[in-house]
Protein backbone atom coordinates (compact mmCIF):
# COMPACT_ATOMS: atom_id res chain seq x y z
CA MET A 1 0.00 0.00 0.00
CA ALA A 2 1.32 3.44 -0.91
CA GLN A 3 2.20 5.76 1.96
CA PHE A 4 1.47 9.42 2.53
CA ASP A 5 4.48 11.66 2.70
CA GLU A 6 3.91 14.17 5.49
CA LEU A 7 6.58 16.48 4.08
CA ILE A 8 4.93 16.65 0.66
CA HIS A 9 1.39 16.71 2.04
CA GLN A 10 1.69 20.35 3.16
CA PRO A 11 -0.23 22.40 0.52
CA VAL A 12 2.56 24.70 -0.69
CA ARG A 13 5.09 21.85 -0.85
CA LEU A 14 2.55 19.69 -2.67
CA ARG A 15 2.13 22.47 -5.23
CA ILE A 16 5.90 22.92 -5.54
CA MET A 17 6.38 19.23 -6.25
CA ALA A 18 3.43 19.18 -8.66
CA VAL A 19 4.98 22.01 -10.68
CA LEU A 20 8.38 20.32 -10.69
CA MET A 21 6.84 17.03 -11.79
CA THR A 22 5.54 18.69 -14.95
CA LEU A 23 9.17 19.24 -15.99
CA ASP A 24 11.29 16.44 -17.39
CA SER A 25 14.12 15.18 -15.20
CA GLU A 26 16.71 17.33 -17.01
CA THR A 27 14.80 20.61 -16.70
CA HIS A 28 14.85 23.09 -13.84
CA ILE A 29 12.81 26.19 -13.07
CA SER A 30 14.01 29.51 -11.75
CA PHE A 31 13.09 30.58 -8.25
CA ASN A 32 11.27 33.64 -9.60
CA ALA A 33 9.28 31.63 -12.15
CA LEU A 34 8.26 29.10 -9.50
CA LYS A 35 7.32 31.92 -7.12
CA ALA A 36 5.13 33.49 -9.83
CA VAL A 37 3.41 30.20 -10.68
CA LEU A 38 2.64 29.47 -7.02
CA ASN A 39 1.85 33.08 -6.09
CA VAL A 40 3.85 32.90 -2.84
CA THR A 41 6.39 35.21 -1.22
CA ASP A 42 10.16 34.81 -1.43
CA GLY A 43 10.36 33.83 2.23
CA ASN A 44 7.51 31.35 2.03
CA LEU A 45 8.94 29.63 -1.05
CA GLY A 46 12.47 29.68 0.37
CA GLY A 47 11.37 28.03 3.61
CA HIS A 48 9.49 25.25 1.85
CA LEU A 49 12.33 24.67 -0.61
CA PHE A 50 14.74 24.39 2.31
CA LYS A 51 12.65 21.57 3.81
CA LEU A 52 12.35 19.79 0.46
CA GLU A 53 16.07 20.19 -0.19
CA LYS A 54 16.93 18.86 3.29
CA ALA A 55 14.92 15.72 2.46
CA ARG A 56 16.75 15.57 -0.90
CA TYR A 57 13.47 15.88 -2.80
CA VAL A 58 14.67 18.91 -4.74
CA LEU A 59 17.98 20.18 -5.99
CA VAL A 60 18.57 23.90 -5.51
CA GLU A 61 21.37 25.30 -7.64
CA LYS A 62 22.66 28.84 -7.23
CA SER A 63 24.74 30.66 -9.79
CA PHE A 64 25.51 34.13 -11.09
CA GLU A 65 24.34 35.38 -14.46
CA ARG A 66 25.48 38.85 -15.50
CA ASN A 67 26.62 39.44 -11.91
CA LYS A 68 23.14 38.68 -10.54
CA PRO A 69 22.40 35.69 -8.32
CA GLN A 70 20.08 33.12 -9.85
CA THR A 71 18.48 30.12 -8.19
CA TYR A 72 17.17 27.11 -10.08
CA ILE A 73 15.13 24.22 -8.72
CA ALA A 74 14.56 20.69 -10.00
CA ALA A 75 12.99 17.56 -8.55
CA THR A 76 15.46 14.81 -7.70
CA PRO A 77 14.80 11.14 -8.51
CA ARG A 78 14.11 10.63 -4.79
CA GLY A 79 11.61 13.53 -4.83
CA ARG A 80 9.91 12.17 -7.94
CA MET A 81 9.49 8.77 -6.29
CA ALA A 82 8.17 10.30 -3.06
CA PHE A 83 5.67 12.44 -4.98
CA ALA A 84 4.50 9.45 -7.06
CA GLU A 85 3.97 7.39 -3.90
CA HIS A 86 2.08 10.23 -2.22
CA ILE A 87 -0.22 10.58 -5.22
CA ALA A 88 -0.71 6.80 -5.30
CA ALA A 89 -1.80 6.93 -1.64
CA LEU A 90 -4.33 9.63 -2.47
CA GLN A 91 -5.62 7.59 -5.41
CA GLN A 92 -6.03 4.53 -3.17
CA ILE A 93 -8.23 6.55 -0.85
CA LEU A 94 -10.34 7.77 -3.74
CA GLN A 95 -10.70 4.27 -5.18
CA ALA A 96 -11.56 2.75 -1.80
CA SER A 97 -14.18 5.33 -0.99
CA VAL A 98 -17.61 3.81 -0.77
CA PRO A 99 -20.20 5.91 -2.53
CA LEU A 100 -22.55 7.37 0.02
CA THR A 101 -26.15 6.30 -0.25
CA PRO A 102 -28.31 9.36 -0.61
CA VAL A 103 -30.34 9.93 2.50
CA ALA A 104 -33.95 10.88 2.02
CA PRO A 105 -34.82 14.18 3.62
CA PRO A 106 -36.81 13.86 6.83
CA PRO A 107 -40.55 13.89 6.32
CA THR A 108 -42.08 17.28 6.80
CA GLU A 109 -45.27 17.67 8.67
CA GLU A 110 -47.97 19.42 6.82
CA VAL A 111 -48.74 22.70 8.49
CA ARG A 112 -52.37 23.62 8.60
CA PRO A 113 -53.80 26.84 9.85
CA PRO A 114 -55.62 26.50 13.16
CA VAL A 115 -59.32 25.81 12.88
CA THR A 116 -61.41 28.59 14.30
CA PRO A 117 -65.00 27.89 15.50
């Protein structure tokens, strides 16, 4: 049975990994492009990337281009496997879900105006 990955399960990290999974294994995305796609702040993205990098789910490469620092991010093979397993765990839940039987609404009592003599 596939297992949830608590690190990936956090919404922003799940979105980060989902974006990275759309890229082939040889492609990376710039920090600014990823920030724009996710609509998060520098600090928020940096903190989540730090956690993913610590787990070796992403590779963060820093370089200088025209004397300006640039940061690029890519999913590692380990991160790709963890993401795939997390998605498989979600799919297992969806497949195992028993359709709920619709419940009939409670009967309503007919309201009649009071009878006056």
